[in-house]
Each structure stands twice: as structure tokens, then as C-alpha cells.
N, C-alpha and C. Protein backbone atom coordinates (compact mmCIF):
# COMPACT_ATOMS: atom_id res chain seq x y z
N MET A 1 0.96 -1.15 0.26
CA MET A 1 0.14 -0.08 0.07
C MET A 1 0.92 1.39 0.13
N ALA A 2 2.03 1.25 0.76
CA ALA A 2 2.67 2.47 0.88
C ALA A 2 3.37 2.69 -0.36
N ASP A 3 3.86 1.69 -0.99
CA ASP A 3 4.71 1.87 -2.10
C ASP A 3 3.66 2.34 -3.40
N HIS A 4 2.34 1.93 -3.52
CA HIS A 4 1.41 2.40 -4.33
C HIS A 4 1.07 4.18 -4.07
N LEU A 5 1.12 4.36 -2.66
CA LEU A 5 0.95 5.84 -2.40
C LEU A 5 2.03 6.76 -2.92
N VAL A 6 3.23 6.20 -2.90
CA VAL A 6 4.47 6.81 -3.15
C VAL A 6 4.50 6.95 -4.56
N ARG A 7 4.25 5.82 -5.55
CA ARG A 7 4.27 5.83 -6.66
C ARG A 7 3.12 6.90 -7.31
N VAL A 8 1.97 6.91 -6.67
CA VAL A 8 1.05 7.89 -7.37
C VAL A 8 0.80 9.30 -6.91
N TYR A 9 1.71 9.67 -5.82
CA TYR A 9 2.05 11.00 -5.07
C TYR A 9 2.09 11.97 -6.39
N GLY A 10 1.42 12.98 -6.19
CA GLY A 10 1.41 14.03 -7.32
C GLY A 10 1.14 13.88 -8.84
N THR A 11 0.73 12.75 -8.94
CA THR A 11 0.30 12.21 -10.41
C THR A 11 -1.29 12.56 -10.54
N GLU A 12 -1.74 12.09 -11.84
CA GLU A 12 -3.10 12.23 -12.11
C GLU A 12 -3.85 10.98 -11.41
N ASP A 13 -3.39 9.94 -11.18
CA ASP A 13 -3.81 8.74 -10.29
C ASP A 13 -4.14 9.11 -8.72
N ASP A 14 -3.49 10.34 -8.34
CA ASP A 14 -3.57 10.58 -6.92
C ASP A 14 -4.82 11.14 -6.55
N ARG A 15 -5.72 10.66 -5.81
CA ARG A 15 -7.09 11.04 -5.72
C ARG A 15 -7.10 12.07 -4.63
N VAL A 16 -6.01 12.13 -3.85
CA VAL A 16 -5.99 12.97 -2.73
C VAL A 16 -5.06 14.30 -2.80
N ASN A 17 -3.97 14.44 -3.54
CA ASN A 17 -3.08 15.49 -3.79
C ASN A 17 -3.45 15.86 -4.99
N CYS A 18 -3.38 17.20 -5.27
CA CYS A 18 -3.62 18.14 -6.34
C CYS A 18 -2.34 18.00 -7.41
N PRO A 19 -2.28 17.39 -8.41
CA PRO A 19 -1.05 16.93 -9.23
C PRO A 19 -0.55 18.56 -9.90
N PHE A 20 -1.55 19.38 -10.25
CA PHE A 20 -1.33 20.57 -10.73
C PHE A 20 -0.70 21.48 -9.54
N TYR A 21 -1.16 21.76 -8.49
CA TYR A 21 -0.62 22.28 -7.41
C TYR A 21 1.01 21.76 -7.13
N PHE A 22 1.29 20.60 -7.12
CA PHE A 22 2.35 19.71 -6.93
C PHE A 22 3.68 20.07 -8.02
N LYS A 23 2.85 20.10 -9.37
CA LYS A 23 3.87 20.31 -10.46
C LYS A 23 4.12 22.02 -10.68
N ILE A 24 3.05 22.68 -10.78
CA ILE A 24 3.25 23.92 -11.19
C ILE A 24 3.21 25.11 -10.00
N GLY A 25 2.63 24.56 -8.63
CA GLY A 25 2.63 25.55 -7.58
C GLY A 25 1.14 26.51 -7.75
N ALA A 26 0.51 26.28 -8.61
CA ALA A 26 -0.71 26.82 -8.81
C ALA A 26 -1.66 26.04 -9.31
N CYS A 27 -3.02 26.05 -9.11
CA CYS A 27 -4.27 25.53 -9.63
C CYS A 27 -5.36 26.32 -9.87
N ARG A 28 -5.80 25.97 -11.02
CA ARG A 28 -7.06 26.96 -11.39
C ARG A 28 -8.29 26.97 -10.63
N HIS A 29 -8.38 25.80 -9.75
CA HIS A 29 -9.30 25.78 -8.68
C HIS A 29 -9.18 26.59 -7.34
N GLY A 30 -8.08 26.82 -7.07
CA GLY A 30 -7.69 27.59 -5.93
C GLY A 30 -8.17 26.78 -4.80
N ASP A 31 -8.57 27.57 -3.77
CA ASP A 31 -9.11 27.00 -2.61
C ASP A 31 -10.29 26.23 -2.78
N ARG A 32 -11.01 25.90 -3.95
CA ARG A 32 -12.10 25.25 -4.21
C ARG A 32 -11.65 23.95 -4.71
N CYS A 33 -10.42 23.66 -4.78
CA CYS A 33 -10.16 22.44 -5.42
C CYS A 33 -10.50 21.44 -4.85
N THR A 34 -10.95 20.14 -5.05
CA THR A 34 -11.25 19.01 -4.23
C THR A 34 -10.11 18.20 -3.94
N ARG A 35 -8.96 18.55 -4.30
CA ARG A 35 -7.75 17.69 -4.05
C ARG A 35 -6.95 18.61 -3.01
N LYS A 36 -6.05 18.04 -2.17
CA LYS A 36 -5.26 18.88 -1.32
C LYS A 36 -4.11 19.51 -1.80
N HIS A 37 -3.92 20.84 -1.38
CA HIS A 37 -2.70 21.57 -1.80
C HIS A 37 -1.63 21.63 -0.64
N ASN A 38 -0.75 20.99 -0.80
CA ASN A 38 0.15 20.60 0.20
C ASN A 38 1.46 21.66 0.10
N ARG A 39 1.20 22.76 0.82
CA ARG A 39 1.91 23.98 0.99
C ARG A 39 2.95 23.81 1.59
N PRO A 40 4.33 23.84 0.92
CA PRO A 40 5.56 23.35 1.66
C PRO A 40 5.91 24.37 2.85
N SER A 41 6.51 24.01 3.96
CA SER A 41 6.70 24.72 5.08
C SER A 41 8.39 25.49 4.74
N PHE A 42 8.86 24.82 3.74
CA PHE A 42 10.22 25.50 3.43
C PHE A 42 10.62 24.96 2.02
N SER A 43 11.11 25.39 1.13
CA SER A 43 11.42 25.23 -0.23
C SER A 43 12.78 26.36 -0.52
N GLN A 44 13.48 25.52 -1.69
CA GLN A 44 14.30 26.55 -2.54
C GLN A 44 13.57 27.54 -3.44
N THR A 45 12.27 27.38 -3.66
CA THR A 45 11.56 28.23 -4.44
C THR A 45 10.55 28.85 -3.90
N ILE A 46 10.46 30.05 -4.16
CA ILE A 46 9.52 30.97 -3.70
C ILE A 46 8.56 31.25 -5.13
N LEU A 47 7.37 31.66 -4.78
CA LEU A 47 6.50 32.17 -5.98
C LEU A 47 6.13 33.60 -5.53
N ILE A 48 6.12 34.45 -6.44
CA ILE A 48 5.61 35.77 -5.97
C ILE A 48 4.59 36.03 -7.10
N LYS A 49 3.34 35.75 -6.73
CA LYS A 49 2.03 35.66 -7.31
C LYS A 49 1.69 37.25 -8.07
N GLN A 50 1.44 37.19 -9.45
CA GLN A 50 1.08 38.24 -10.28
C GLN A 50 2.16 39.36 -10.05
N MET A 51 3.26 39.29 -9.98
CA MET A 51 4.27 40.30 -9.93
C MET A 51 4.35 40.97 -11.13
N TYR A 52 4.54 40.27 -12.48
CA TYR A 52 4.65 40.66 -13.64
C TYR A 52 3.39 41.14 -14.26
N HIS A 53 3.39 42.24 -14.64
CA HIS A 53 2.26 43.01 -15.32
C HIS A 53 2.23 42.57 -16.83
N ASN A 54 1.76 41.36 -17.33
CA ASN A 54 1.82 40.95 -18.53
C ASN A 54 0.94 41.71 -19.49
N PRO A 55 1.51 42.51 -20.36
CA PRO A 55 0.70 43.19 -21.60
C PRO A 55 -0.14 42.44 -22.42
N LYS A 56 0.04 41.12 -22.30
CA LYS A 56 -1.01 40.23 -22.94
C LYS A 56 -2.16 40.04 -22.52
N ALA A 57 -2.44 40.18 -21.32
CA ALA A 57 -3.71 40.31 -20.58
C ALA A 57 -4.47 41.60 -21.27
N ASN A 58 -3.85 42.58 -21.62
CA ASN A 58 -4.54 43.73 -22.08
C ASN A 58 -3.89 44.14 -23.44
N PRO A 59 -4.10 43.58 -24.54
CA PRO A 59 -3.07 43.80 -25.76
C PRO A 59 -3.13 45.23 -26.14
N MET A 60 -1.89 45.49 -26.75
CA MET A 60 -1.72 46.97 -27.16
C MET A 60 -2.04 47.06 -28.72
N PRO A 61 -2.78 48.23 -29.18
CA PRO A 61 -3.26 48.33 -30.40
C PRO A 61 -2.03 48.62 -31.41
N GLY A 62 -1.92 48.49 -32.69
CA GLY A 62 -0.86 48.97 -33.29
C GLY A 62 -0.03 47.78 -34.12
N ASP A 63 1.19 48.13 -34.49
CA ASP A 63 2.02 46.99 -35.48
C ASP A 63 2.40 45.88 -34.37
N PRO A 64 2.12 44.71 -34.44
CA PRO A 64 2.45 43.79 -33.54
C PRO A 64 3.81 43.49 -33.63
N GLU A 65 4.62 43.70 -34.61
CA GLU A 65 6.02 43.48 -34.56
C GLU A 65 6.67 44.61 -33.56
N HIS A 66 6.34 45.74 -33.75
CA HIS A 66 6.69 46.77 -32.81
C HIS A 66 6.33 46.47 -31.43
N ASN A 67 5.19 45.99 -31.17
CA ASN A 67 4.63 45.64 -29.94
C ASN A 67 5.58 44.55 -29.41
N ARG A 68 5.90 43.39 -30.09
CA ARG A 68 6.64 42.47 -29.66
C ARG A 68 7.89 42.93 -29.06
N GLN A 69 8.63 43.70 -29.87
CA GLN A 69 9.90 44.47 -29.49
C GLN A 69 9.66 45.11 -28.35
N VAL A 70 8.79 46.16 -28.09
CA VAL A 70 8.34 47.02 -26.90
C VAL A 70 8.02 46.12 -25.83
N ILE A 71 7.37 44.98 -25.84
CA ILE A 71 7.10 43.93 -24.83
C ILE A 71 8.33 43.49 -24.27
N GLN A 72 9.20 42.81 -25.27
CA GLN A 72 10.59 42.25 -25.16
C GLN A 72 11.51 43.11 -24.22
N ASN A 73 11.64 44.36 -24.84
CA ASN A 73 12.62 45.21 -24.03
C ASN A 73 11.86 45.55 -22.48
N GLU A 74 10.80 45.77 -22.40
CA GLU A 74 10.27 45.82 -21.02
C GLU A 74 10.56 44.76 -20.15
N PHE A 75 10.21 43.49 -20.93
CA PHE A 75 10.52 42.37 -20.03
C PHE A 75 12.06 42.19 -19.62
N ASP A 76 12.58 42.44 -20.52
CA ASP A 76 14.19 42.44 -20.08
C ASP A 76 14.58 43.22 -19.11
N LYS A 77 14.10 44.41 -19.05
CA LYS A 77 14.23 45.42 -17.86
C LYS A 77 13.57 44.78 -16.62
N PHE A 78 12.40 44.17 -16.62
CA PHE A 78 11.66 43.63 -15.49
C PHE A 78 12.50 42.22 -15.04
N TYR A 79 13.08 41.57 -15.94
CA TYR A 79 13.73 40.49 -15.59
C TYR A 79 15.29 40.65 -14.81
N GLU A 80 16.00 41.62 -15.34
CA GLU A 80 17.11 42.11 -14.65
C GLU A 80 17.00 42.59 -13.44
N GLU A 81 15.86 43.59 -13.37
CA GLU A 81 15.57 44.33 -12.13
C GLU A 81 15.46 43.43 -10.93
N VAL A 82 14.67 42.42 -11.36
CA VAL A 82 14.14 41.20 -10.57
C VAL A 82 15.26 40.46 -9.84
N PHE A 83 16.13 39.94 -10.88
CA PHE A 83 17.25 39.27 -10.68
C PHE A 83 18.05 40.03 -9.94
N ASP A 84 18.42 41.00 -10.15
CA ASP A 84 19.58 41.91 -9.24
C ASP A 84 19.08 42.22 -7.99
N GLU A 85 18.01 42.83 -7.81
CA GLU A 85 17.22 43.19 -6.52
C GLU A 85 17.39 41.81 -5.44
N LEU A 86 16.87 40.58 -6.27
CA LEU A 86 16.48 39.29 -5.33
C LEU A 86 18.21 38.54 -4.86
N SER A 87 18.82 38.62 -5.91
CA SER A 87 20.34 38.04 -5.82
C SER A 87 21.00 38.97 -4.81
N SER A 88 21.10 40.31 -5.19
CA SER A 88 21.91 41.11 -4.06
C SER A 88 21.29 41.18 -2.67
N SER A 89 20.07 40.97 -2.62
CA SER A 89 19.51 41.14 -1.18
C SER A 89 19.43 39.74 -0.46
N TYR A 90 19.11 38.83 -1.00
CA TYR A 90 19.11 37.48 -0.63
C TYR A 90 19.83 36.27 -0.75
N GLY A 91 20.51 36.37 -1.95
CA GLY A 91 21.53 35.18 -2.11
C GLY A 91 21.33 34.75 -3.47
N PRO A 92 22.39 33.72 -3.89
CA PRO A 92 22.46 33.44 -5.47
C PRO A 92 21.02 32.75 -5.60
N ILE A 93 20.67 33.16 -7.07
CA ILE A 93 19.61 32.67 -7.56
C ILE A 93 19.98 31.34 -8.74
N GLU A 94 19.32 30.34 -8.53
CA GLU A 94 19.58 29.00 -9.42
C GLU A 94 18.82 29.09 -10.67
N GLU A 95 17.51 29.56 -10.68
CA GLU A 95 16.60 29.88 -11.72
C GLU A 95 15.51 30.92 -11.43
N LEU A 96 15.45 31.81 -12.53
CA LEU A 96 14.30 32.65 -12.34
C LEU A 96 13.21 32.58 -13.46
N HIS A 97 11.79 32.35 -13.20
CA HIS A 97 11.14 32.06 -14.28
C HIS A 97 9.83 33.11 -14.38
N VAL A 98 9.17 33.41 -15.51
CA VAL A 98 8.12 34.61 -15.54
C VAL A 98 7.09 33.74 -16.37
N CYS A 99 5.81 33.51 -15.78
CA CYS A 99 4.65 32.89 -16.49
C CYS A 99 4.29 34.01 -17.55
N ASP A 100 4.13 33.23 -18.75
CA ASP A 100 3.45 34.10 -19.92
C ASP A 100 2.01 33.78 -19.97
N ASN A 101 1.42 32.91 -19.03
CA ASN A 101 0.05 32.70 -19.09
C ASN A 101 -0.88 33.63 -18.84
N VAL A 102 -2.02 33.66 -19.33
CA VAL A 102 -2.97 34.78 -19.09
C VAL A 102 -4.01 34.35 -18.13
N CYS A 103 -4.01 33.05 -17.76
CA CYS A 103 -5.26 32.61 -17.02
C CYS A 103 -5.07 33.13 -15.52
N GLU A 104 -5.98 33.36 -14.90
CA GLU A 104 -5.89 34.08 -13.57
C GLU A 104 -5.08 33.51 -12.39
N HIS A 105 -4.96 32.20 -12.40
CA HIS A 105 -3.98 31.38 -11.31
C HIS A 105 -2.55 31.46 -11.75
N MET A 106 -2.20 32.04 -13.08
CA MET A 106 -0.70 32.05 -13.34
C MET A 106 -0.23 33.06 -13.92
N LEU A 107 -1.22 34.17 -14.26
CA LEU A 107 -1.00 35.60 -14.88
C LEU A 107 0.01 36.24 -13.87
N GLY A 108 1.29 36.52 -14.55
CA GLY A 108 2.42 37.26 -14.08
C GLY A 108 2.90 36.66 -13.04
N ASN A 109 2.91 35.04 -12.72
CA ASN A 109 3.60 34.57 -11.70
C ASN A 109 5.23 34.64 -11.88
N VAL A 110 5.86 34.81 -10.81
CA VAL A 110 7.52 34.87 -10.88
C VAL A 110 7.84 33.67 -9.99
N TYR A 111 8.58 32.85 -10.27
CA TYR A 111 9.19 31.75 -9.65
C TYR A 111 10.54 31.93 -9.47
N VAL A 112 11.41 31.99 -8.34
CA VAL A 112 12.60 32.33 -8.05
C VAL A 112 12.95 31.02 -7.22
N LYS A 113 14.16 30.09 -7.78
CA LYS A 113 14.71 29.27 -6.96
C LYS A 113 16.08 29.59 -6.75
N PHE A 114 16.27 29.75 -5.30
CA PHE A 114 17.53 30.11 -4.83
C PHE A 114 18.40 28.80 -4.60
N GLU A 115 19.67 28.97 -4.60
CA GLU A 115 20.39 28.00 -4.47
C GLU A 115 20.33 27.21 -3.19
N ASP A 116 19.94 28.02 -2.12
CA ASP A 116 19.77 27.63 -0.58
C ASP A 116 18.46 27.90 -0.23
N GLU A 117 18.05 26.85 0.62
CA GLU A 117 16.73 26.98 1.42
C GLU A 117 16.60 28.21 2.25
N GLU A 118 17.83 28.50 2.91
CA GLU A 118 17.79 29.75 3.69
C GLU A 118 17.84 31.07 2.82
N ASP A 119 18.30 31.12 1.67
CA ASP A 119 18.20 32.25 1.03
C ASP A 119 16.79 32.52 0.67
N ALA A 120 16.14 31.40 0.54
CA ALA A 120 14.56 31.40 -0.16
C ALA A 120 13.91 32.04 1.00
N GLU A 121 14.10 31.49 2.31
CA GLU A 121 13.42 31.96 3.50
C GLU A 121 13.45 33.42 3.72
N LYS A 122 15.03 33.76 3.56
CA LYS A 122 15.21 35.38 3.57
C LYS A 122 14.45 36.22 2.72
N ALA A 123 14.31 35.61 1.64
CA ALA A 123 13.54 36.16 0.62
C ALA A 123 11.95 36.34 1.10
N LEU A 124 11.41 35.31 1.27
CA LEU A 124 10.00 35.17 1.66
C LEU A 124 9.79 36.15 2.80
N LYS A 125 10.49 36.21 3.92
CA LYS A 125 10.38 37.11 4.80
C LYS A 125 10.68 38.60 4.37
N GLY A 126 11.86 38.92 3.77
CA GLY A 126 12.20 40.17 3.29
C GLY A 126 11.13 40.94 2.39
N LEU A 127 10.50 39.92 1.38
CA LEU A 127 9.63 40.35 0.46
C LEU A 127 8.06 40.80 0.89
N SER A 128 7.66 39.84 2.07
CA SER A 128 6.36 40.20 2.50
C SER A 128 6.24 41.49 3.18
N GLY A 129 5.19 42.13 2.76
CA GLY A 129 4.83 43.42 3.06
C GLY A 129 5.29 44.54 2.27
N ARG A 130 6.37 44.12 1.22
CA ARG A 130 6.40 45.28 0.23
C ARG A 130 5.61 45.29 -1.06
N TYR A 131 6.08 46.31 -1.83
CA TYR A 131 5.27 46.49 -2.96
C TYR A 131 6.16 46.53 -4.17
N PHE A 132 5.59 46.46 -5.30
CA PHE A 132 6.24 46.19 -6.49
C PHE A 132 5.13 47.00 -7.57
N ALA A 133 5.63 48.11 -8.28
CA ALA A 133 4.77 48.94 -9.22
C ALA A 133 3.22 49.26 -8.68
N GLY A 134 3.44 49.50 -7.41
CA GLY A 134 2.06 50.13 -6.66
C GLY A 134 1.18 48.90 -6.23
N ARG A 135 1.63 47.64 -6.26
CA ARG A 135 0.85 46.60 -5.89
C ARG A 135 1.57 45.55 -4.82
N PRO A 136 0.88 45.24 -3.85
CA PRO A 136 1.52 44.50 -2.84
C PRO A 136 1.86 43.07 -3.27
N LEU A 137 3.14 42.65 -2.65
CA LEU A 137 3.68 41.30 -3.27
C LEU A 137 3.16 40.31 -2.44
N ALA A 138 2.66 38.99 -3.26
CA ALA A 138 2.19 38.01 -2.38
C ALA A 138 3.00 36.92 -2.76
N VAL A 139 3.90 36.71 -1.74
CA VAL A 139 5.14 35.51 -1.60
C VAL A 139 4.51 34.45 -0.80
N GLU A 140 5.12 33.27 -1.34
CA GLU A 140 4.80 31.94 -0.66
C GLU A 140 5.83 31.03 -1.28
N TYR A 141 5.97 29.98 -0.47
CA TYR A 141 7.09 28.82 -0.82
C TYR A 141 6.14 28.12 -1.93
N SER A 142 7.06 27.70 -2.80
CA SER A 142 6.45 26.93 -3.97
C SER A 142 6.77 25.45 -3.73
N PRO A 143 6.03 24.59 -4.43
CA PRO A 143 6.68 23.11 -4.08
C PRO A 143 7.44 22.86 -5.50
N VAL A 144 7.49 23.70 -6.55
CA VAL A 144 8.26 23.41 -7.68
C VAL A 144 9.77 23.57 -7.52
N THR A 145 10.29 22.40 -7.69
CA THR A 145 11.81 22.74 -7.76
C THR A 145 12.42 22.09 -9.26
N ASP A 146 11.57 21.46 -9.91
CA ASP A 146 11.97 20.86 -11.17
C ASP A 146 10.93 21.10 -12.40
N PHE A 147 11.43 22.49 -13.08
CA PHE A 147 10.70 23.23 -13.80
C PHE A 147 10.47 22.36 -15.16
N ARG A 148 11.17 21.56 -15.44
CA ARG A 148 10.88 20.67 -16.67
C ARG A 148 9.58 20.24 -16.61
N GLU A 149 8.92 19.59 -15.44
CA GLU A 149 7.72 19.14 -15.38
C GLU A 149 6.56 19.87 -15.22
N ALA A 150 6.97 21.33 -15.02
CA ALA A 150 5.91 22.48 -14.93
C ALA A 150 5.86 23.16 -16.16
N ARG A 151 6.64 22.93 -17.17
CA ARG A 151 6.69 23.63 -18.61
C ARG A 151 5.66 22.90 -19.49
N CYS A 152 4.98 23.70 -20.25
CA CYS A 152 4.32 23.23 -21.41
C CYS A 152 5.33 22.78 -22.48
N ARG A 153 5.49 21.46 -22.69
CA ARG A 153 6.19 20.95 -23.85
C ARG A 153 5.64 21.40 -25.32
N GLN A 154 4.13 21.29 -25.28
CA GLN A 154 3.64 21.70 -26.59
C GLN A 154 3.89 23.36 -26.93
N HIS A 155 3.75 24.01 -26.04
CA HIS A 155 4.25 25.29 -26.17
C HIS A 155 5.69 25.47 -26.48
N GLU A 156 6.52 24.82 -25.81
CA GLU A 156 8.18 25.13 -26.30
C GLU A 156 8.41 24.53 -27.81
N GLU A 157 7.47 23.79 -28.46
CA GLU A 157 7.27 23.09 -29.59
C GLU A 157 6.70 23.76 -30.50
N GLY A 158 6.01 25.05 -30.03
CA GLY A 158 5.04 26.00 -30.63
C GLY A 158 3.89 25.13 -31.26
N GLN A 159 3.41 24.40 -30.41
CA GLN A 159 2.02 23.39 -30.71
C GLN A 159 0.89 23.58 -29.74
N CYS A 160 1.02 24.36 -28.61
CA CYS A 160 -0.06 24.60 -27.83
C CYS A 160 -1.12 25.09 -28.29
N THR A 161 -2.45 24.29 -27.99
CA THR A 161 -3.64 24.88 -28.80
C THR A 161 -4.28 25.56 -27.77
N ARG A 162 -3.83 25.58 -26.47
CA ARG A 162 -4.76 26.38 -25.19
C ARG A 162 -4.24 27.74 -25.25
N GLY A 163 -3.18 28.06 -25.99
CA GLY A 163 -2.50 29.48 -25.48
C GLY A 163 -2.19 29.92 -24.34
N GLY A 164 -2.54 31.23 -23.89
CA GLY A 164 -2.12 31.85 -22.64
C GLY A 164 -2.96 30.97 -21.64
N TYR A 165 -3.96 30.21 -21.92
CA TYR A 165 -5.03 29.60 -20.95
C TYR A 165 -4.61 28.22 -20.54
N CYS A 166 -3.40 28.00 -20.88
CA CYS A 166 -2.92 26.55 -20.75
C CYS A 166 -2.62 26.44 -19.14
N ASN A 167 -2.88 25.28 -18.49
CA ASN A 167 -2.69 25.11 -17.03
C ASN A 167 -0.98 24.61 -16.99
N PHE A 168 -0.26 24.29 -17.98
CA PHE A 168 1.14 24.32 -17.67
C PHE A 168 1.93 25.76 -18.03
N MET A 169 3.12 25.70 -17.48
CA MET A 169 3.80 27.16 -17.88
C MET A 169 4.20 27.06 -19.11
N HIS A 170 3.76 28.37 -19.46
CA HIS A 170 4.45 28.82 -20.74
C HIS A 170 5.17 30.28 -20.15
N LEU A 171 6.37 29.93 -20.39
CA LEU A 171 7.53 30.97 -19.90
C LEU A 171 8.03 32.02 -20.49
N MET A 172 8.21 33.36 -20.08
CA MET A 172 8.71 34.17 -20.71
C MET A 172 10.26 34.06 -20.95
N THR A 173 10.70 34.52 -21.98
CA THR A 173 12.50 34.28 -22.11
C THR A 173 13.05 35.70 -22.07
N PRO A 174 13.86 36.07 -21.33
CA PRO A 174 14.61 37.16 -21.60
C PRO A 174 15.85 37.04 -22.81
N SER A 175 16.06 38.29 -23.42
CA SER A 175 17.05 38.22 -24.35
C SER A 175 18.24 37.50 -23.95
N GLN A 176 18.96 36.85 -24.87
CA GLN A 176 20.17 36.16 -24.59
C GLN A 176 21.05 36.90 -23.81
N ALA A 177 21.38 38.19 -24.17
CA ALA A 177 22.04 39.46 -23.38
C ALA A 177 21.92 39.36 -22.01
N VAL A 178 20.60 39.50 -21.74
CA VAL A 178 20.02 39.79 -20.28
C VAL A 178 20.51 38.51 -19.65
N PHE A 179 19.86 37.38 -20.38
CA PHE A 179 20.08 36.23 -19.60
C PHE A 179 21.57 35.73 -19.15
N TYR A 180 22.42 36.06 -20.12
CA TYR A 180 23.68 35.60 -19.74
C TYR A 180 24.51 36.69 -18.79
N ARG A 181 23.78 37.69 -18.68
CA ARG A 181 24.39 38.81 -17.66
C ARG A 181 23.72 38.36 -16.25
N CYS A 182 22.64 37.65 -16.27
CA CYS A 182 22.12 37.11 -14.91
C CYS A 182 22.80 35.72 -14.52
N PHE A 183 22.91 34.96 -15.60
CA PHE A 183 23.46 33.45 -15.49
C PHE A 183 24.54 33.32 -16.35
N PRO A 184 25.72 33.88 -15.76
CA PRO A 184 27.16 33.59 -16.75
C PRO A 184 27.28 32.12 -17.37
N LYS A 185 27.78 32.03 -18.40
CA LYS A 185 28.09 30.64 -18.98
C LYS A 185 28.50 29.78 -17.84
N GLY A 186 28.16 28.30 -17.92
CA GLY A 186 28.47 27.40 -17.12
C GLY A 186 27.52 27.04 -15.93
N ARG A 187 26.26 27.90 -16.23
CA ARG A 187 25.18 27.66 -15.08
C ARG A 187 24.42 26.37 -15.53
N CYS A 188 23.43 26.11 -14.91
CA CYS A 188 22.67 24.97 -14.73
C CYS A 188 22.01 24.94 -16.40
N ALA A 189 22.24 23.93 -17.19
CA ALA A 189 21.51 24.02 -18.48
C ALA A 189 19.97 24.00 -18.29
N ALA A 190 19.53 23.76 -17.25
CA ALA A 190 17.87 23.96 -17.33
C ALA A 190 17.64 25.37 -17.30
N THR A 191 18.36 26.22 -17.07
CA THR A 191 17.96 27.69 -16.87
C THR A 191 18.26 28.34 -18.29
N LEU A 192 18.83 27.57 -19.16
CA LEU A 192 18.88 28.29 -20.49
C LEU A 192 17.68 28.43 -21.31
N PRO A 193 17.42 29.79 -21.81
CA PRO A 193 16.36 30.02 -22.59
C PRO A 193 16.08 29.23 -23.86
N ILE A 194 14.72 28.87 -23.86
CA ILE A 194 14.42 28.12 -25.14
C ILE A 194 14.45 28.78 -26.46
N HIS A 195 14.00 30.09 -26.44
CA HIS A 195 13.94 30.88 -27.58
C HIS A 195 14.95 32.02 -27.43
N SER A 196 15.40 32.67 -28.33
CA SER A 196 16.22 33.74 -28.19
C SER A 196 15.64 35.14 -28.54
């Protein structure tokens, strides 16, 4: 029996624990979910809910190519600012991911995986009660430590039919210049951007 429980924990076959919360740290049902959301009491990863103001939630009129470049430039500034602030204030960052999804439970979510749980704890405490862009930060530990399971593989292959409303992570990608300033060569391959 115990072997079975270990084998199904966090999978679709687990009828007790929510597999989406386990893999992604967010669930479209929120507190109304019929399955349990096991919130970690400590983790290397923190989730800052809806920190990034995703312009795709309110599309801009005009030339799509120009808009894409404006969005990329603004995102690069955001990514670098968040990385610099968190790494200098709390400790080395192993991975930094920003959701591009527009569904309510994932819109603008920022995941920060620190090298040490102690640094994640410092960040959780230090960011609580702070504001970013005029909005209070909602920070919590995330169960996500392996982002390969959380990412939408179909999106990465350009084939996701759910678009921004997918329940798996569609991740924003910083420009290569920004990425390599934040994560110099030799870093974990899992952090490399898929698109340039």
C-alpha cells in the first residue's frame, strides 16, 4: 500500500493530492479544489504571485512586430531588475522564471529558485509587506523545484492549442544578453532560454 501511495503521489492517479499544484505551484481551482494543496513549510523556490504585469492580458493596438519588441524590451528590464534585487538582497539564484500565461491563477507569476533554502526563507520574509509597481507582493513557498515538469512541452514546440490559458507554464524568455548577464556561462542547462 505504501509503495502505491509513493508511486502515485502528485500524479493524475493521486485522488488526494492535486497534481497541478504539486507540479506548477498553482491550480485553476484555487481553494475550491477537491484535492489537497500541500503547501511546503520550506523550499528553495518562492512564488511571487502576479508580480509581472503581462501586457498580453490587455493587448496594445498597433503594429504587432513593434509591440513584440516593446514587450521584450520591457520584459528584459523587469527580469534584470528582479534578478539583481533578489540576488543582491537574499542570495544566489539558481533559476528565475516568469509565466506568460494569462489565466488568472498563473498571470504574471514569478518563480525564483535560490541555491539555498535559507536564502529563499530570507526572501520570503524580506518581500512580505513590500510593494512592486504600486501593488503588494504576494509571496509564498512553491513546491516546484523541477521546472521541466511544470513547463508546457507543446508550447515549447510551438504547438500548444490552449494558448495563454494553458494550465502548464508558458515561460517568458529574456533576451540572450540579459540571460547571460544574470546567469553567466557554465550555469545549469535547465535555466537556458529556449527561444532567443
